[in-house]
Protein backbone atom coordinates (compact mmCIF):
# COMPACT_ATOMS: atom_id res chain seq x y z
CA MET A 1 23.12 -9.95 6.28
CA PRO A 2 20.14 -7.58 5.80
CA ARG A 3 17.36 -9.13 3.72
CA PHE A 4 17.37 -6.45 1.01
CA ASP A 5 21.06 -5.75 0.42
CA ASN A 6 21.64 -4.67 -3.20
CA GLN A 7 17.90 -4.53 -3.89
CA THR A 8 15.86 -1.49 -4.89
CA VAL A 9 12.35 -0.84 -3.64
CA LEU A 10 9.84 1.72 -4.93
CA VAL A 11 7.21 2.74 -2.35
CA THR A 12 4.29 4.84 -3.55
CA GLY A 13 2.56 7.20 -1.18
CA GLY A 14 5.97 7.12 0.44
CA THR A 15 5.58 10.20 2.64
CA GLY A 16 2.40 9.09 4.42
CA GLY A 17 2.09 7.36 7.77
CA GLN A 18 2.32 3.84 6.38
CA GLY A 19 4.43 4.71 3.35
CA SER A 20 7.19 6.42 5.32
CA SER A 21 7.23 3.48 7.76
CA HIS A 22 7.65 1.09 4.84
CA ALA A 23 10.43 3.17 3.30
CA ARG A 24 12.34 3.32 6.58
CA ALA A 25 11.86 -0.41 7.20
CA PHE A 26 13.22 -1.44 3.80
CA HIS A 27 16.12 1.00 4.16
CA ALA A 28 16.98 -0.45 7.58
CA GLU A 29 17.12 -3.89 5.93
CA GLY A 30 19.72 -2.71 3.42
CA ALA A 31 17.52 -1.70 0.47
CA ASN A 32 17.92 1.21 -1.87
CA VAL A 33 14.62 3.05 -1.53
CA VAL A 34 12.77 5.22 -4.04
CA ILE A 35 10.09 7.30 -2.36
CA GLY A 36 7.29 7.98 -4.82
CA ASP A 37 4.84 10.71 -3.87
CA ILE A 38 3.16 13.90 -5.09
CA ASP A 39 4.48 15.81 -2.05
CA ALA A 40 7.91 16.90 -3.25
CA GLU A 41 8.88 18.74 -0.05
CA ARG A 42 8.18 15.86 2.30
CA GLY A 43 9.52 13.30 -0.16
CA ALA A 44 12.83 15.09 -0.59
CA ALA A 45 13.12 15.53 3.18
CA LEU A 46 12.61 11.81 3.81
CA ALA A 47 15.14 10.90 1.12
CA ASP A 48 17.65 13.29 2.70
CA GLU A 49 16.99 11.74 6.10
CA LEU A 50 17.65 8.23 4.81
CA GLY A 51 20.79 9.25 2.93
CA THR A 52 22.70 7.95 -0.07
CA ARG A 53 20.59 4.81 -0.57
CA ALA A 54 17.40 6.82 -1.03
CA ARG A 55 15.88 8.92 -3.80
CA PHE A 56 12.67 10.88 -4.18
CA ALA A 57 10.62 10.52 -7.36
CA HIS A 58 7.69 12.84 -7.98
CA LEU A 59 4.93 10.37 -8.74
CA ASP A 60 1.29 10.93 -9.59
CA VAL A 61 0.06 7.34 -9.63
CA THR A 62 -2.80 8.23 -12.01
CA ASP A 63 -0.35 9.39 -14.71
CA GLU A 64 1.34 6.71 -16.83
CA SER A 65 4.25 8.98 -17.84
CA SER A 66 4.87 9.78 -14.17
CA TRP A 67 5.19 6.05 -13.49
CA SER A 68 7.70 5.64 -16.31
CA ALA A 69 9.77 8.46 -14.84
CA ALA A 70 9.73 6.92 -11.34
CA VAL A 71 10.90 3.53 -12.63
CA LEU A 72 13.65 5.35 -14.54
CA VAL A 73 14.78 7.03 -11.31
CA ALA A 74 15.12 3.61 -9.67
CA GLU A 75 17.05 2.02 -12.52
CA SER A 76 19.24 5.06 -13.20
CA ALA A 77 20.18 5.57 -9.57
CA PHE A 78 20.55 1.96 -8.45
CA GLY A 79 20.72 -0.21 -11.58
CA ALA A 80 17.52 -2.21 -11.12
CA LEU A 81 14.08 -2.33 -9.56
CA ASN A 82 13.34 -5.38 -7.43
CA VAL A 83 10.24 -4.55 -5.38
CA LEU A 84 7.18 -2.36 -5.95
CA VAL A 85 4.92 -1.41 -3.04
CA ASN A 86 1.63 0.01 -4.32
CA ASN A 87 0.80 1.89 -1.15
CA ALA A 88 -0.62 5.21 -2.40
CA GLY A 89 -4.29 5.68 -1.62
CA VAL A 90 -6.99 8.23 -0.86
CA GLN A 91 -10.25 8.03 1.05
CA ASN A 92 -13.62 9.41 0.08
CA PRO A 93 -15.64 11.58 2.46
CA PRO A 94 -18.36 9.39 3.97
CA ALA A 95 -21.61 9.52 1.99
CA THR A 96 -24.31 7.16 0.85
CA ILE A 97 -24.14 5.89 -2.72
CA GLU A 98 -27.01 8.23 -3.59
CA ASP A 99 -25.11 11.20 -2.19
CA THR A 100 -21.74 10.34 -3.78
CA ASP A 101 -21.04 12.43 -6.85
CA GLN A 102 -19.40 10.87 -9.89
CA ALA A 103 -16.31 13.08 -9.63
CA THR A 104 -15.59 11.67 -6.16
CA TRP A 105 -16.18 8.12 -7.39
CA SER A 106 -13.81 8.61 -10.32
CA ARG A 107 -11.10 10.28 -8.24
CA ILE A 108 -10.98 7.52 -5.62
CA LEU A 109 -10.87 4.75 -8.21
CA ASP A 110 -8.29 6.62 -10.29
CA VAL A 111 -5.85 6.67 -7.38
CA ASN A 112 -6.63 3.43 -5.57
CA LEU A 113 -7.33 1.13 -8.52
CA THR A 114 -6.00 2.69 -11.72
CA GLY A 115 -2.88 3.80 -9.83
CA THR A 116 -2.24 0.20 -8.81
CA PHE A 117 -2.87 -1.03 -12.36
CA LEU A 118 -0.46 1.53 -13.81
CA GLY A 119 2.13 0.61 -11.20
CA ILE A 120 2.05 -3.06 -12.12
CA LYS A 121 2.17 -2.16 -15.81
CA ALA A 122 5.18 0.14 -15.38
CA ALA A 123 7.12 -2.01 -12.93
CA ALA A 124 6.70 -5.43 -14.56
CA PRO A 125 9.27 -4.85 -17.35
CA ALA A 126 11.80 -3.50 -14.85
CA LEU A 127 11.28 -6.44 -12.49
CA ARG A 128 11.67 -8.77 -15.46
CA ARG A 129 14.98 -7.05 -16.34
CA ALA A 130 16.06 -7.67 -12.75
CA ALA A 131 15.34 -11.42 -13.19
CA GLY A 132 12.30 -11.28 -10.92
CA GLY A 133 11.03 -9.61 -7.80
CA ALA A 134 7.88 -8.80 -5.87
CA ILE A 135 4.88 -6.51 -6.05
CA VAL A 136 2.83 -5.94 -2.91
CA ASN A 137 -0.46 -4.07 -3.22
CA ILE A 138 -1.76 -2.43 -0.06
CA ALA A 139 -5.51 -3.00 -0.01
CA SER A 140 -7.78 -2.81 3.05
CA THR A 141 -10.14 -4.82 5.21
CA MET A 142 -12.78 -2.72 3.44
CA GLY A 143 -11.90 -4.79 0.37
CA LEU A 144 -13.09 -7.93 2.17
CA GLY A 145 -16.57 -6.79 3.17
CA GLY A 146 -19.10 -4.03 2.71
CA THR A 147 -18.80 -0.73 4.56
CA ALA A 148 -21.63 1.77 4.47
CA HIS A 149 -20.81 5.30 3.26
CA TYR A 150 -17.48 4.36 1.64
CA ALA A 151 -18.62 2.88 -1.69
CA PRO A 152 -15.79 4.26 -3.89
CA TYR A 153 -13.07 3.14 -1.49
CA VAL A 154 -14.65 -0.27 -0.92
CA ALA A 155 -15.16 -0.86 -4.64
CA GLY A 156 -11.58 0.07 -5.45
CA LYS A 157 -10.07 -2.16 -2.79
CA TRP A 158 -12.24 -5.11 -3.84
CA ALA A 159 -11.05 -4.60 -7.41
CA VAL A 160 -7.40 -4.54 -6.32
CA ARG A 161 -7.87 -8.13 -5.13
CA GLY A 162 -8.85 -9.34 -8.59
CA LEU A 163 -6.14 -7.28 -10.23
CA THR A 164 -3.56 -8.80 -7.89
CA ARG A 165 -4.59 -12.36 -8.69
CA THR A 166 -4.55 -11.69 -12.42
CA ALA A 167 -1.08 -10.13 -12.19
CA ALA A 168 0.16 -13.08 -10.12
CA LEU A 169 -0.91 -15.46 -12.89
CA GLU A 170 0.55 -13.36 -15.68
CA LEU A 171 3.90 -12.66 -14.02
CA GLY A 172 4.62 -15.81 -12.02
CA ARG A 173 6.65 -17.48 -14.79
CA ASP A 174 8.84 -14.36 -14.83
CA ARG A 175 9.65 -14.95 -11.15
CA ILE A 176 7.56 -11.94 -10.14
CA ARG A 177 5.29 -12.55 -7.16
CA VAL A 178 2.20 -10.38 -6.52
CA ASN A 179 0.34 -10.29 -3.20
CA THR A 180 -1.98 -8.05 -1.19
CA ILE A 181 -1.98 -6.82 2.38
CA HIS A 182 -5.32 -5.83 3.94
CA PRO A 183 -4.71 -3.52 6.92
CA GLY A 184 -7.47 -2.78 9.37
CA VAL A 185 -7.54 0.44 11.37
CA ILE A 186 -3.94 1.68 11.46
CA ALA A 187 -3.01 4.68 13.60
CA THR A 188 -2.06 7.23 10.95
CA SER A 189 -3.40 10.59 9.85
CA PHE A 190 -5.26 8.69 7.12
CA ILE A 191 -7.75 7.43 9.71
CA HIS A 192 -7.38 10.12 12.41
CA GLU A 193 -7.99 13.10 10.11
CA PRO A 194 -11.16 13.58 8.03
CA ALA A 195 -10.88 13.04 4.28
CA ALA A 196 -11.17 16.15 2.14
CA GLY A 197 -14.75 17.37 2.32
CA ALA A 198 -15.54 15.29 5.41
CA VAL A 199 -16.28 16.26 8.99
CA ALA A 200 -15.67 12.91 10.71
CA ALA A 201 -12.55 10.74 10.52
CA ILE A 202 -12.63 6.98 9.98
CA ALA A 203 -11.34 6.48 13.53
CA ASP A 204 -14.53 8.09 14.82
CA PHE A 205 -16.44 5.02 13.63
CA TYR A 206 -14.11 2.34 15.01
CA SER A 207 -13.27 1.59 18.61
CA PRO A 208 -10.67 -1.16 19.10
CA GLU A 209 -12.29 -2.18 22.39
CA PRO A 210 -14.14 -5.20 20.88
CA PHE A 211 -11.17 -6.37 18.78
CA ALA A 212 -9.51 -9.65 19.76
CA ILE A 213 -6.34 -7.55 20.04
CA PRO A 214 -7.83 -4.39 21.57
CA ARG A 215 -5.69 -1.67 20.05
CA LEU A 216 -5.25 0.20 16.81
CA GLY A 217 -2.59 -1.12 14.49
CA GLU A 218 0.71 0.70 14.07
CA PRO A 219 2.40 1.33 10.72
CA ALA A 220 5.31 -0.83 11.86
CA ASP A 221 2.94 -3.80 12.19
CA VAL A 222 2.16 -3.55 8.49
CA SER A 223 5.79 -2.87 7.56
CA ARG A 224 6.95 -6.09 9.19
CA LEU A 225 4.45 -8.13 7.19
CA LEU A 226 5.40 -6.26 4.03
CA LEU A 227 9.09 -7.04 4.50
CA PHE A 228 8.27 -10.73 4.75
CA LEU A 229 6.11 -10.77 1.59
CA ALA A 230 8.70 -8.86 -0.42
CA SER A 231 11.59 -11.06 0.71
CA SER A 232 12.88 -14.42 -0.45
CA ASP A 233 11.32 -15.92 2.69
CA ALA A 234 8.01 -15.69 0.79
CA SER A 235 9.37 -17.15 -2.46
CA PHE A 236 6.49 -19.65 -2.81
CA ILE A 237 3.71 -17.16 -2.08
CA THR A 238 1.83 -15.34 -4.84
CA GLY A 239 -1.74 -14.23 -5.46
CA SER A 240 -2.37 -14.35 -1.72
CA GLU A 241 -4.13 -12.00 0.69
CA TYR A 242 -2.88 -11.16 4.16
CA VAL A 243 -5.21 -9.57 6.71
CA ILE A 244 -3.61 -7.53 9.49
CA ASP A 245 -6.45 -6.08 11.56
CA GLY A 246 -6.17 -7.21 15.19
CA GLY A 247 -9.23 -9.38 14.69
CA LEU A 248 -11.54 -6.62 13.38
CA LEU A 249 -13.11 -8.90 10.76
CA LEU A 250 -13.65 -11.71 13.27
CA GLY A 251 -16.36 -9.79 15.07
CA PRO A 252 -16.49 -8.72 18.73
CA ALA A 253 -14.47 -10.61 21.31
CA LEU A 254 -17.07 -10.99 24.05
CA GLN A 255 -15.79 -11.12 27.60
CA ALA A 256 -16.91 -14.04 29.77
CA GLU A 257 -19.09 -11.85 31.94
CA ALA A 258 -20.90 -10.51 28.88
CA ALA A 259 -21.40 -13.88 27.18
């Protein structure tokens, strides 16, 4: 029996490289999937591809009313909401703190942090009505260390960690588990294409050659971990952080001849 039969999952940023992988993975495991995104054309196309157990919800994660509407789509179409994946995120163009304007700072935190906060706020009552469920916030390895030239993104992802732990404490007695996933460098357009206003892409700064597992991650790698955390297999896990980075944060894996 598929792990998510008769369950409904809302994935934000659902048309992106990781988001679309997550939506397809949950659908393949039997879930009803609501694809939340600001890109209506791509969102509707993905919902059509997946078929009758999928819906598109136009979702601006920085807008509280947009969140209410997306949760309503899930409950109206499928009767309940059981899992929220806070996956939507944007990257700032690389710049020093001194060269980062306040508008950029505010925009990145609005999407990556406030969007996650609003998602938890909107989904919690629906998950409670469903007698419990799971929230998984997609953070980043940049939320576990400092990274020069990405201050807004780093700050937002660090803050998501604290928000996740607070939500886990507040919602645990309602049988709602809240965890984070911290992906490293995952092979999507998010890291292969420059952020708006940037010349270089994140991938230009990272070679997987020194990683313990010397390759870039694939969206499916993250999706498999996500399925576990959202499922009943992880029923005793909350407020936890899962790093999936091929060993990026461990430091370089020196070869014997170089040691």
